[in-house]
């Protein structure tokens, strides 16, 4: 194929017969859409399979590159095949003029074709996303990493998303080369994927070193690398997270062979500075490792909302450890566990207690009212009804969950522990009942149907009686203080009319009791006189 400059294509673009420069009607139609500026053609894929343009003998890739370069509608370009030599270079020379493409996916290219593709990226200053996935080919080696580093260091592309998948030849050495390039895009990078690149401890340390400049990072994917002996690297990652002012939205560490020691090094930083953590398929993790994670989750600093622990054989010991971490946690909403774990009554009891500890009113209040989803695949039908109820309460009525659980599990509220606060507690107690009143009208979906049912099946009269009984017992518990602090009681009564009602009913009850005693004494006297 002879070399043709831009002017050659520009002079003939309007009149060239598209059928003569393509191998199929489909390819000719694609060129027609590019030439006409079809706004619906925003994603374009070049390859030898399902793509928009199937490269075959008879296709002039110089013309294809020209029309791609002229397009103002393309946003994503996928290069799944590119021939070596002049034909491939003619294509990339054309697309170098494009100003609309925002992301490029490079897949299945030879080393020569990859070099050609990389050369064009230096001209695409508008590029935001770069995806490199060799798929069935060898992928990036150290030389390829050097080319990519040169691009990133140039400052031409302010990438926001960089995806490097399944490049097995990157390894520790390749990451050492790439780390300098990552610093070059640190101010713009939001998503970094380094999945399945044979990265170990040294490579992870190099990654973390480069991350120091990534001030806007939202997502980090290090899945499918070998971190079995990377406690130092994971500890460095944890330190970076803790010292960074940002909060990662996603941290993916699936199938990284992380050990208990590695999880210990990682847990605190990950739990306190990530919203979603994926630790699936790290089968070396045991209950010991989970205990470190559990402690971090229980911390007030925890920011994790979603935690994936599927395909980890944690057993009942692990479940109990995780349940302990839920107590007091106010961030975690979803926990995903493996369907292969064998859950016994011991494991379920640990979760039940974490969601609603009935040992005291205070412990019920301090239980977990945040988590909405404990997903154990294929275990839905065996999940105890009380756990399902608590999760539904947390999900549908988070502002009332604690009050509902207290009212459900404590029909009689023991007021004795509150006497130490004196009469000043009365307004707070009355206000609590006022805020809890909506619990009698709340509904949730029944577990066995699509119908909704009342959370608390209690009438207004029963709720009123419960409130009055609690207030009555509170007042009765400190009669001397009541007698000495009439002003305080009057203030409390003015705060809520029900307090005054309690006092009045108490007086009436005492008067009725005294009259009954007098009547009984008179009757005894009369009977004694009758029989004497």
Protein backbone atom coordinates (compact mmCIF):
# COMPACT_ATOMS: atom_id res chain seq x y z
CA UNK A 1 0.00 0.00 0.00
CA UNK A 2 1.50 3.34 -1.08
CA UNK A 3 1.68 6.18 1.42
CA UNK A 4 -0.98 8.88 0.92
CA UNK A 5 -1.13 12.18 2.72
CA UNK A 6 -4.12 13.97 4.21
CA UNK A 7 -4.66 16.13 1.14
CA UNK A 8 -5.11 13.02 -0.99
CA UNK A 9 -8.09 11.87 1.12
CA UNK A 10 -9.49 15.36 1.54
CA UNK A 11 -9.67 15.95 -2.22
CA UNK A 12 -11.51 12.67 -2.93
CA UNK A 13 -13.65 12.18 0.20
CA UNK A 14 -16.93 13.47 -1.25
CA UNK A 15 -16.83 11.39 -4.42
CA UNK A 16 -14.98 8.18 -3.53
CA UNK A 17 -16.98 4.99 -4.21
CA UNK A 18 -17.25 3.40 -0.75
CA UNK A 19 -18.04 0.00 -2.22
CA UNK A 20 -14.69 -0.06 -4.00
CA UNK A 21 -12.65 0.58 -0.84
CA UNK A 22 -14.41 -1.91 1.45
CA UNK A 23 -14.79 -5.69 1.54
CA UNK A 24 -18.49 -5.85 2.37
CA UNK A 25 -21.75 -3.87 2.23
CA UNK A 26 -21.67 -3.67 6.02
CA UNK A 27 -18.27 -1.97 6.00
CA UNK A 28 -19.36 0.34 3.17
CA UNK A 29 -22.43 1.32 5.21
CA UNK A 30 -20.23 2.06 8.22
CA UNK A 31 -18.04 4.35 6.15
CA UNK A 32 -21.16 6.05 4.81
CA UNK A 33 -22.37 6.73 8.35
CA UNK A 34 -18.96 8.13 9.29
CA UNK A 35 -18.85 10.35 6.22
CA UNK A 36 -22.40 11.60 6.82
CA UNK A 37 -21.71 12.34 10.49
CA UNK A 38 -24.38 9.95 11.85
CA UNK A 39 -24.87 11.14 15.49
CA UNK A 40 -25.97 7.64 16.55
CA UNK A 41 -22.57 6.22 15.62
CA UNK A 42 -20.83 7.21 18.85
CA UNK A 43 -19.06 3.88 19.50
CA UNK A 44 -16.90 2.36 16.78
CA UNK A 45 -15.10 -1.00 16.91
CA UNK A 46 -12.54 -2.28 14.43
CA UNK A 47 -11.75 -6.00 14.39
CA UNK A 48 -12.38 -9.43 12.98
CA UNK A 49 -15.53 -10.51 14.77
CA UNK A 50 -18.71 -8.77 15.90
CA UNK A 51 -17.36 -5.24 15.46
CA UNK A 52 -18.85 -2.40 13.36
CA UNK A 53 -16.07 -2.81 10.84
CA UNK A 54 -14.84 -6.35 10.07
CA UNK A 55 -11.35 -6.04 8.57
CA UNK A 56 -10.85 -8.27 5.57
CA UNK A 57 -9.03 -8.32 2.25
CA UNK A 58 -10.20 -5.39 0.16
CA UNK A 59 -10.65 -2.94 3.03
CA UNK A 60 -8.66 0.27 2.66
CA UNK A 61 -7.79 1.20 6.26
CA UNK A 62 -6.30 4.50 5.14
CA UNK A 63 -9.77 5.67 4.11
CA UNK A 64 -11.26 4.26 7.31
CA UNK A 65 -8.71 6.18 9.39
CA UNK A 66 -9.48 9.37 7.45
CA UNK A 67 -13.25 9.13 8.10
CA UNK A 68 -12.72 8.24 11.75
CA UNK A 69 -10.38 11.23 12.07
CA UNK A 70 -12.97 13.57 10.54
CA UNK A 71 -15.85 12.33 12.73
CA UNK A 72 -17.26 14.72 15.31
CA UNK A 73 -19.70 12.18 16.72
CA UNK A 74 -17.42 9.34 17.83
CA UNK A 75 -16.88 9.10 21.58
CA UNK A 76 -15.40 5.61 21.95
CA UNK A 77 -13.01 3.73 19.63
CA UNK A 78 -12.25 0.04 20.02
CA UNK A 79 -9.25 -1.41 18.15
CA UNK A 80 -9.55 -5.18 18.42
CA UNK A 81 -7.42 -5.89 15.36
CA UNK A 82 -4.87 -3.87 13.45
CA UNK A 83 -2.60 -5.23 10.71
CA UNK A 84 1.12 -4.65 10.90
CA UNK A 85 2.98 -2.46 8.43
CA UNK A 86 1.88 0.47 6.27
CA UNK A 87 -1.81 -0.38 6.32
CA UNK A 88 -2.01 -0.20 10.11
CA UNK A 89 0.04 2.99 10.22
CA UNK A 90 -2.23 4.59 7.60
CA UNK A 91 -5.21 3.96 9.84
CA UNK A 92 -3.66 5.47 12.97
CA UNK A 93 -2.39 8.51 11.03
CA UNK A 94 -5.97 9.23 10.09
CA UNK A 95 -7.46 8.91 13.56
CA UNK A 96 -4.71 11.17 14.95
CA UNK A 97 -6.75 14.12 13.65
CA UNK A 98 -9.86 13.22 15.60
CA UNK A 99 -10.99 15.66 18.32
CA UNK A 100 -14.15 13.94 19.59
CA UNK A 101 -12.98 10.50 20.81
CA UNK A 102 -12.96 10.35 24.60
CA UNK A 103 -11.93 6.72 25.20
CA UNK A 104 -9.97 4.03 23.34
CA UNK A 105 -9.95 0.27 23.91
CA UNK A 106 -6.87 -1.58 22.58
CA UNK A 107 -7.21 -5.35 22.47
CA UNK A 108 -5.48 -8.34 20.84
CA UNK A 109 -2.77 -6.34 19.05
CA UNK A 110 0.70 -7.51 18.07
CA UNK A 111 3.71 -5.61 19.40
CA UNK A 112 4.09 -3.71 16.11
CA UNK A 113 0.39 -2.82 15.97
CA UNK A 114 0.45 -1.78 19.62
CA UNK A 115 3.36 0.55 18.96
CA UNK A 116 1.42 2.11 16.07
CA UNK A 117 -1.67 2.55 18.24
CA UNK A 118 0.32 4.11 21.06
CA UNK A 119 1.89 6.64 18.68
CA UNK A 120 -1.49 8.13 17.79
CA UNK A 121 -2.45 8.71 21.42
CA UNK A 122 0.10 11.52 21.66
CA UNK A 123 -2.18 13.54 19.36
CA UNK A 124 -5.46 12.93 21.24
CA UNK A 125 -5.26 15.52 24.00
CA UNK A 126 -9.01 15.14 24.67
CA UNK A 127 -8.66 11.46 25.60
CA UNK A 128 -10.14 10.57 29.02
CA UNK A 129 -10.13 6.77 29.06
CA UNK A 130 -7.60 4.15 27.89
CA UNK A 131 -8.30 0.39 28.05
CA UNK A 132 -5.53 -2.14 27.24
CA UNK A 133 -6.57 -5.80 27.28
CA UNK A 134 -4.45 -8.27 25.31
CA UNK A 135 -7.04 -11.01 25.75
CA UNK A 136 -5.50 -13.98 23.91
CA UNK A 137 -2.21 -12.27 23.04
CA UNK A 138 0.89 -11.80 25.17
CA UNK A 139 0.05 -8.26 26.25
CA UNK A 140 2.26 -5.47 27.53
CA UNK A 141 5.86 -6.34 28.26
CA UNK A 142 8.46 -4.02 29.77
CA UNK A 143 8.98 -2.30 26.39
CA UNK A 144 5.23 -1.74 26.08
CA UNK A 145 5.18 -0.32 29.61
CA UNK A 146 7.95 2.09 28.59
CA UNK A 147 5.88 3.31 25.63
CA UNK A 148 2.85 3.79 27.84
CA UNK A 149 4.94 5.56 30.48
CA UNK A 150 6.25 7.97 27.83
CA UNK A 151 2.69 8.80 26.82
CA UNK A 152 1.54 9.35 30.39
CA UNK A 153 4.60 11.40 31.33
CA UNK A 154 4.16 13.66 28.29
CA UNK A 155 1.17 15.38 29.87
CA UNK A 156 -0.67 15.36 26.53
CA UNK A 157 -3.48 13.12 27.80
CA UNK A 158 -5.10 13.95 31.12
CA UNK A 159 -6.58 10.50 31.51
CA UNK A 160 -9.38 10.02 34.02
CA UNK A 161 -9.64 6.24 33.51
CA UNK A 162 -6.78 3.78 32.87
CA UNK A 163 -7.56 0.06 32.56
CA UNK A 164 -4.78 -2.52 32.20
CA UNK A 165 -6.28 -6.03 32.13
CA UNK A 166 -4.59 -9.42 31.89
CA UNK A 167 -1.15 -8.13 30.94
CA UNK A 168 0.77 -11.00 32.51
CA UNK A 169 4.16 -9.68 31.45
CA UNK A 170 3.85 -6.41 33.35
CA UNK A 171 4.79 -7.91 36.70
CA UNK A 172 6.87 -6.11 39.30
CA UNK A 173 9.37 -4.82 36.75
CA UNK A 174 6.68 -3.39 34.50
CA UNK A 175 4.97 -1.67 37.40
CA UNK A 176 8.27 -0.10 38.38
CA UNK A 177 8.46 1.36 34.87
CA UNK A 178 4.80 2.46 34.80
CA UNK A 179 4.83 4.13 38.22
CA UNK A 180 6.50 7.27 36.86
CA UNK A 181 3.88 7.47 34.13
CA UNK A 182 1.07 7.21 36.68
CA UNK A 183 2.47 10.24 38.46
CA UNK A 184 2.07 12.16 35.22
CA UNK A 185 -1.72 11.71 35.26
CA UNK A 186 -2.15 11.75 39.03
CA UNK A 187 -4.00 15.07 39.08
CA UNK A 188 -6.72 13.83 36.70
CA UNK A 189 -6.94 10.05 37.28
CA UNK A 190 -10.21 8.82 38.81
CA UNK A 191 -10.25 5.11 37.92
CA UNK A 192 -7.19 2.83 37.89
CA UNK A 193 -7.50 -0.86 37.03
CA UNK A 194 -4.42 -3.08 37.24
CA UNK A 195 -6.21 -6.41 37.28
CA UNK A 196 -4.43 -9.71 36.54
CA UNK A 197 -1.01 -8.24 35.76
CA UNK A 198 1.20 -10.62 37.81
CA UNK A 199 1.86 -7.90 40.40
CA UNK A 200 3.39 -9.03 43.68
CA UNK A 201 4.73 -7.23 46.74
CA UNK A 202 7.40 -5.14 45.01
CA UNK A 203 5.02 -4.15 42.24
CA UNK A 204 2.35 -3.18 44.77
CA UNK A 205 4.86 -0.98 46.61
CA UNK A 206 5.61 0.74 43.28
CA UNK A 207 1.89 1.25 42.65
CA UNK A 208 1.36 2.81 46.08
CA UNK A 209 4.35 5.10 45.55
CA UNK A 210 2.73 6.37 42.34
CA UNK A 211 -0.63 6.78 44.05
CA UNK A 212 0.77 9.53 46.25
CA UNK A 213 0.08 11.97 43.41
CA UNK A 214 -3.43 10.63 42.64
CA UNK A 215 -5.53 13.14 44.52
CA UNK A 216 -8.83 12.49 42.71
CA UNK A 217 -8.83 8.68 42.57
CA UNK A 218 -12.25 7.12 43.14
CA UNK A 219 -11.75 3.49 42.08
CA UNK A 220 -8.75 1.16 42.44
CA UNK A 221 -8.85 -2.40 41.08
CA UNK A 222 -5.93 -4.70 41.95
CA UNK A 223 -7.83 -7.97 41.58
CA UNK A 224 -6.26 -11.25 40.39
CA UNK A 225 -2.71 -10.39 41.42
CA UNK A 226 -0.67 -12.44 43.89
CA UNK A 227 -0.50 -10.69 47.26
CA UNK A 228 0.05 -13.87 49.30
CA UNK A 229 3.36 -12.46 50.57
CA UNK A 230 2.54 -8.79 50.20
CA UNK A 231 1.85 -7.75 53.79
CA UNK A 232 4.33 -4.89 53.36
CA UNK A 233 2.66 -3.72 50.15
CA UNK A 234 -0.83 -3.99 51.65
CA UNK A 235 0.36 -2.12 54.73
CA UNK A 236 1.74 0.60 52.47
CA UNK A 237 -1.63 0.75 50.67
CA UNK A 238 -3.37 1.10 54.05
CA UNK A 239 -1.02 3.91 55.08
CA UNK A 240 -1.65 5.74 51.81
CA UNK A 241 -5.40 5.47 52.30
CA UNK A 242 -5.19 6.81 55.85
CA UNK A 243 -2.97 9.73 54.89
CA UNK A 244 -4.95 10.64 51.79
CA UNK A 245 -7.65 13.33 52.11
CA UNK A 246 -10.00 11.44 49.77
CA UNK A 247 -12.36 8.50 50.28
CA UNK A 248 -12.16 5.74 47.65
CA UNK A 249 -15.55 4.70 46.30
CA UNK A 250 -14.33 1.25 45.26
CA UNK A 251 -11.39 -0.96 46.24
CA UNK A 252 -11.29 -4.29 44.41
CA UNK A 253 -8.96 -7.02 45.70
CA UNK A 254 -10.73 -10.12 44.43
CA UNK A 255 -8.70 -13.34 44.20
CA UNK A 256 -5.42 -11.82 45.38
CA UNK A 257 -4.51 -14.70 47.74
CA UNK A 258 -4.49 -12.28 50.67
CA UNK A 259 -3.55 -13.96 53.97
CA UNK A 260 -4.61 -13.14 57.52
CA UNK A 261 -1.37 -11.19 57.92
CA UNK A 262 -2.08 -9.22 54.76
CA UNK A 263 -5.64 -8.44 55.86
CA UNK A 264 -4.31 -7.30 59.22
CA UNK A 265 -2.00 -4.85 57.43
CA UNK A 266 -4.76 -3.59 55.12
CA UNK A 267 -7.88 -3.54 57.29
CA UNK A 268 -7.73 -0.20 59.09
CA UNK A 269 -6.95 1.99 56.11
CA UNK A 270 -9.40 0.17 53.84
CA UNK A 271 -12.29 0.27 56.33
CA UNK A 272 -11.80 3.93 57.18
CA UNK A 273 -11.28 5.26 53.66
CA UNK A 274 -13.25 3.06 51.22
CA UNK A 275 -17.00 2.88 50.61
CA UNK A 276 -16.97 -0.50 48.86
CA UNK A 277 -14.43 -3.30 49.40
CA UNK A 278 -14.32 -6.52 47.38
CA UNK A 279 -12.33 -9.35 48.98
CA UNK A 280 -14.03 -12.21 47.14
CA UNK A 281 -12.13 -15.45 46.56
CA UNK A 282 -9.30 -14.75 49.00
CA UNK A 283 -9.56 -18.28 50.32
CA UNK A 284 -6.60 -18.00 52.71
CA UNK A 285 -8.49 -15.63 54.98
CA UNK A 286 -9.70 -17.26 58.22
CA UNK A 287 -11.61 -16.08 61.27
CA UNK A 288 -8.33 -14.64 62.59
CA UNK A 289 -8.00 -12.33 59.61
CA UNK A 290 -11.68 -11.43 59.77
CA UNK A 291 -11.24 -10.40 63.42
CA UNK A 292 -8.89 -7.62 62.27
CA UNK A 293 -11.39 -6.50 59.66
CA UNK A 294 -14.22 -6.72 62.19
CA UNK A 295 -12.41 -4.42 64.63
CA UNK A 296 -11.91 -1.85 61.89
CA UNK A 297 -15.56 -2.07 60.84
CA UNK A 298 -16.66 -1.51 64.42
CA UNK A 299 -14.65 1.71 64.60
CA UNK A 300 -16.50 5.02 64.55
CA UNK A 301 -14.23 5.99 61.65
CA UNK A 302 -15.49 3.19 59.39
CA UNK A 303 -16.78 4.40 55.99
CA UNK A 304 -17.52 1.05 54.31
CA UNK A 305 -21.03 0.72 52.91
CA UNK A 306 -20.65 -2.53 50.94
CA UNK A 307 -18.39 -5.50 51.74
CA UNK A 308 -17.92 -8.56 49.53
CA UNK A 309 -16.60 -11.71 51.23
CA UNK A 310 -17.93 -14.36 48.88
CA UNK A 311 -16.07 -17.62 48.26
CA UNK A 312 -14.19 -17.33 51.55
CA UNK A 313 -14.65 -20.43 53.77
CA UNK A 314 -15.09 -18.47 56.98
CA UNK A 315 -17.31 -20.90 58.96
CA UNK A 316 -19.26 -20.16 62.13
CA UNK A 317 -16.23 -18.66 63.87
CA UNK A 318 -15.87 -16.15 61.07
CA UNK A 319 -19.57 -15.33 61.15
CA UNK A 320 -19.45 -14.64 64.88
CA UNK A 321 -16.44 -12.37 64.40
CA UNK A 322 -18.19 -10.45 61.62
CA UNK A 323 -21.35 -10.11 63.71
CA UNK A 324 -19.33 -8.53 66.51
CA UNK A 325 -18.06 -5.96 64.05
CA UNK A 326 -21.62 -4.99 63.14
CA UNK A 327 -22.45 -3.91 66.68
CA UNK A 328 -22.35 -0.13 66.73
CA UNK A 329 -21.37 0.14 63.05
CA UNK A 330 -23.19 3.02 61.36
CA UNK A 331 -21.98 2.79 57.77
CA UNK A 332 -22.21 -0.80 56.41
CA UNK A 333 -25.46 -1.42 54.54
CA UNK A 334 -24.66 -4.58 52.53
CA UNK A 335 -22.64 -7.70 53.37
CA UNK A 336 -22.17 -10.44 50.78
CA UNK A 337 -21.12 -13.91 51.93
CA UNK A 338 -20.56 -17.22 50.18
CA UNK A 339 -23.35 -19.71 49.64
CA UNK A 340 -20.99 -22.60 50.45
CA UNK A 341 -20.57 -21.70 54.11
CA UNK A 342 -22.40 -23.92 56.56
CA UNK A 343 -24.49 -21.71 58.84
CA UNK A 344 -25.70 -23.24 62.07
CA UNK A 345 -27.88 -21.79 64.79
CA UNK A 346 -24.73 -20.38 66.40
CA UNK A 347 -23.95 -18.28 63.34
CA UNK A 348 -27.52 -17.04 62.98
CA UNK A 349 -27.69 -16.20 66.69
CA UNK A 350 -24.60 -14.01 66.36
CA UNK A 351 -26.26 -12.00 63.58
CA UNK A 352 -29.56 -11.84 65.47
CA UNK A 353 -27.82 -10.43 68.54
CA UNK A 354 -25.90 -7.92 66.44
CA UNK A 355 -29.14 -6.66 64.88
CA UNK A 356 -31.18 -6.67 68.09
CA UNK A 357 -29.58 -7.44 71.44
CA UNK A 358 -32.54 -7.99 73.76
CA UNK A 359 -30.51 -8.33 76.98
CA UNK A 360 -31.44 -4.75 77.92
CA UNK A 361 -33.12 -1.69 76.46
CA UNK A 362 -29.76 0.04 76.21
CA UNK A 363 -28.17 -2.89 74.34
CA UNK A 364 -31.11 -2.97 71.95
CA UNK A 365 -30.55 0.72 71.29
CA UNK A 366 -26.83 0.11 70.67
CA UNK A 367 -27.50 -2.74 68.23
CA UNK A 368 -26.98 -2.37 64.49
CA UNK A 369 -29.73 -0.36 62.78
CA UNK A 370 -27.83 0.37 59.56
CA UNK A 371 -27.20 -2.85 57.65
CA UNK A 372 -30.03 -3.68 55.25
CA UNK A 373 -28.72 -6.64 53.30
CA UNK A 374 -26.88 -9.77 54.46
CA UNK A 375 -26.75 -11.69 51.22
CA UNK A 376 -25.94 -15.39 51.37
CA UNK A 377 -26.69 -16.93 47.99
CA UNK A 378 -29.33 -19.67 48.01
CA UNK A 379 -29.84 -19.19 51.74
CA UNK A 380 -32.86 -16.90 51.54
CA UNK A 381 -35.41 -19.53 52.50
CA UNK A 382 -33.44 -20.55 55.61
CA UNK A 383 -32.77 -17.05 56.90
CA UNK A 384 -34.55 -16.72 60.27
CA UNK A 385 -37.63 -14.54 60.16
CA UNK A 386 -36.42 -12.25 62.93
CA UNK A 387 -33.23 -11.44 61.00
CA UNK A 388 -35.26 -10.74 57.87
CA UNK A 389 -37.53 -8.47 59.91
CA UNK A 390 -34.65 -6.51 61.43
CA UNK A 391 -33.01 -6.03 58.02
CA UNK A 392 -36.29 -4.80 56.54
CA UNK A 393 -36.72 -2.37 59.44
CA UNK A 394 -33.22 -1.02 58.92
CA UNK A 395 -33.85 -0.63 55.18
CA UNK A 396 -37.37 0.78 55.07
CA UNK A 397 -37.54 2.72 58.35
CA UNK A 398 -33.97 3.57 59.46
CA UNK A 399 -35.08 6.54 61.57
CA UNK A 400 -37.48 4.35 63.57
CA UNK A 401 -35.59 1.02 63.56
CA UNK A 402 -34.13 1.36 67.07
CA UNK A 403 -37.45 2.48 68.61
CA UNK A 404 -39.39 -0.29 66.86
CA UNK A 405 -36.99 -2.94 68.13
CA UNK A 406 -37.22 -1.60 71.67
CA UNK A 407 -41.02 -1.60 71.59
CA UNK A 408 -41.13 -5.07 70.00
CA UNK A 409 -38.72 -6.75 72.42
CA UNK A 410 -39.38 -4.84 75.64
CA UNK A 411 -43.14 -4.74 76.37
CA UNK A 412 -42.33 -3.49 79.86
CA UNK A 413 -39.80 -0.66 79.91
CA UNK A 414 -37.82 -0.76 83.15
CA UNK A 415 -37.56 2.84 84.35
CA UNK A 416 -35.44 2.15 87.44
CA UNK A 417 -32.06 2.75 85.73
CA UNK A 418 -33.29 6.21 84.78
CA UNK A 419 -34.17 7.35 88.29
CA UNK A 420 -30.63 8.61 88.81
CA UNK A 421 -31.39 11.48 86.42
CA UNK A 422 -34.26 12.73 88.55
CA UNK A 423 -37.25 14.70 87.31
CA UNK A 424 -35.21 16.35 84.57
CA UNK A 425 -35.48 13.09 82.66
CA UNK A 426 -39.29 13.19 82.48
CA UNK A 427 -39.53 15.56 79.48
CA UNK A 428 -37.02 13.38 77.62
CA UNK A 429 -38.98 10.23 78.38
CA UNK A 430 -42.24 11.78 77.22
CA UNK A 431 -40.56 13.09 74.08
CA UNK A 432 -39.16 9.60 73.34
CA UNK A 433 -42.65 8.11 73.41
CA UNK A 434 -43.91 10.88 71.15
CA UNK A 435 -41.19 10.11 68.62
CA UNK A 436 -41.90 6.39 68.92
CA UNK A 437 -45.65 6.78 68.34
CA UNK A 438 -45.35 6.41 64.50
CA UNK A 439 -44.00 2.88 65.07
CA UNK A 440 -47.59 1.73 65.57
CA UNK A 441 -48.47 2.75 62.00
CA UNK A 442 -45.34 1.67 60.11
CA UNK A 443 -45.62 -1.21 57.63
CA UNK A 444 -43.17 -3.53 55.87
CA UNK A 445 -43.52 -6.23 53.24
CA UNK A 446 -44.36 -9.60 54.70
CA UNK A 447 -41.61 -12.14 54.03
CA UNK A 448 -44.03 -14.64 52.52
CA UNK A 449 -46.11 -12.34 50.33
CA UNK A 450 -46.26 -9.09 48.44
CA UNK A 451 -48.58 -7.64 51.06
CA UNK A 452 -47.51 -5.15 53.67
CA UNK A 453 -48.16 -5.63 57.36
CA UNK A 454 -47.80 -3.56 60.51
CA UNK A 455 -44.38 -3.64 62.13
CA UNK A 456 -45.85 -3.28 65.59
CA UNK A 457 -49.36 -4.69 65.95
CA UNK A 458 -50.40 -2.42 68.81
CA UNK A 459 -53.46 -0.20 69.12
CA UNK A 460 -53.30 3.46 70.09
CA UNK A 461 -54.90 2.57 73.41
CA UNK A 462 -52.29 -0.12 74.13
CA UNK A 463 -49.45 2.27 73.25
CA UNK A 464 -50.99 4.97 75.47
CA UNK A 465 -51.25 2.49 78.31
CA UNK A 466 -47.63 1.47 77.87
CA UNK A 467 -46.55 5.12 78.02
CA UNK A 468 -48.64 5.95 81.07
CA UNK A 469 -47.43 2.84 82.88
CA UNK A 470 -43.81 3.76 82.28
CA UNK A 471 -44.32 7.35 83.46
CA UNK A 472 -46.30 6.20 86.48
CA UNK A 473 -43.56 3.79 87.53
CA UNK A 474 -40.99 6.53 87.08
CA UNK A 475 -42.86 8.92 89.37
CA UNK A 476 -43.64 6.18 91.89
CA UNK A 477 -39.97 5.25 91.98
CA UNK A 478 -39.01 8.53 93.66
CA UNK A 479 -41.93 9.81 95.78
CA UNK A 480 -39.77 11.90 98.12
CA UNK A 481 -38.24 13.78 95.22
CA UNK A 482 -41.73 14.38 93.83
CA UNK A 483 -42.92 15.79 97.14
CA UNK A 484 -39.87 18.01 97.55
CA UNK A 485 -39.75 19.23 93.94
CA UNK A 486 -43.26 20.39 93.18
CA UNK A 487 -41.94 23.13 90.98
CA UNK A 488 -39.90 20.66 88.97
CA UNK A 489 -42.85 18.37 88.56
CA UNK A 490 -45.06 21.29 87.54
CA UNK A 491 -42.56 22.25 84.87
CA UNK A 492 -42.53 18.67 83.59
CA UNK A 493 -46.30 18.56 83.65
CA UNK A 494 -46.47 21.77 81.66
CA UNK A 495 -44.13 20.18 79.12
CA UNK A 496 -46.67 17.47 78.43
CA UNK A 497 -50.25 17.16 79.69
CA UNK A 498 -49.81 13.43 80.11
CA UNK A 499 -47.46 13.98 83.03
CA UNK A 500 -50.19 15.89 84.83
CA UNK A 501 -52.60 13.08 83.98
CA UNK A 502 -50.21 10.58 85.54
CA UNK A 503 -50.06 12.55 88.78
CA UNK A 504 -53.84 12.98 88.90
CA UNK A 505 -54.47 9.29 88.26
CA UNK A 506 -51.94 8.42 90.93
CA UNK A 507 -53.75 10.62 93.48
CA UNK A 508 -57.10 9.18 92.53
CA UNK A 509 -55.75 5.66 92.86
CA UNK A 510 -54.42 6.45 96.35
CA UNK A 511 -57.72 8.00 97.42
CA UNK A 512 -59.64 5.00 96.10
CA UNK A 513 -57.28 2.69 97.93
CA UNK A 514 -57.74 4.64 101.21
CA UNK A 515 -61.54 4.60 100.86
CA UNK A 516 -61.50 0.88 100.18
CA UNK A 517 -59.38 0.30 103.27
CA UNK A 518 -61.74 2.42 105.41
CA UNK A 519 -64.76 0.58 104.07
CA UNK A 520 -63.11 -2.76 104.75
CA UNK A 521 -62.20 -1.76 108.32
CA UNK A 522 -65.76 -0.59 108.99
CA UNK A 523 -67.16 -3.83 107.62
CA UNK A 524 -64.81 -5.84 109.86
CA UNK A 525 -65.93 -3.85 112.90
CA UNK A 526 -69.58 -4.37 112.03
CA UNK A 527 -69.13 -8.11 111.62
CA UNK A 528 -67.27 -8.38 114.89
CA UNK A 529 -70.11 -6.54 116.69
CA UNK A 530 -72.67 -8.77 115.03
CA UNK A 531 -71.06 -12.03 116.20
CA UNK A 532 -70.02 -10.86 119.66
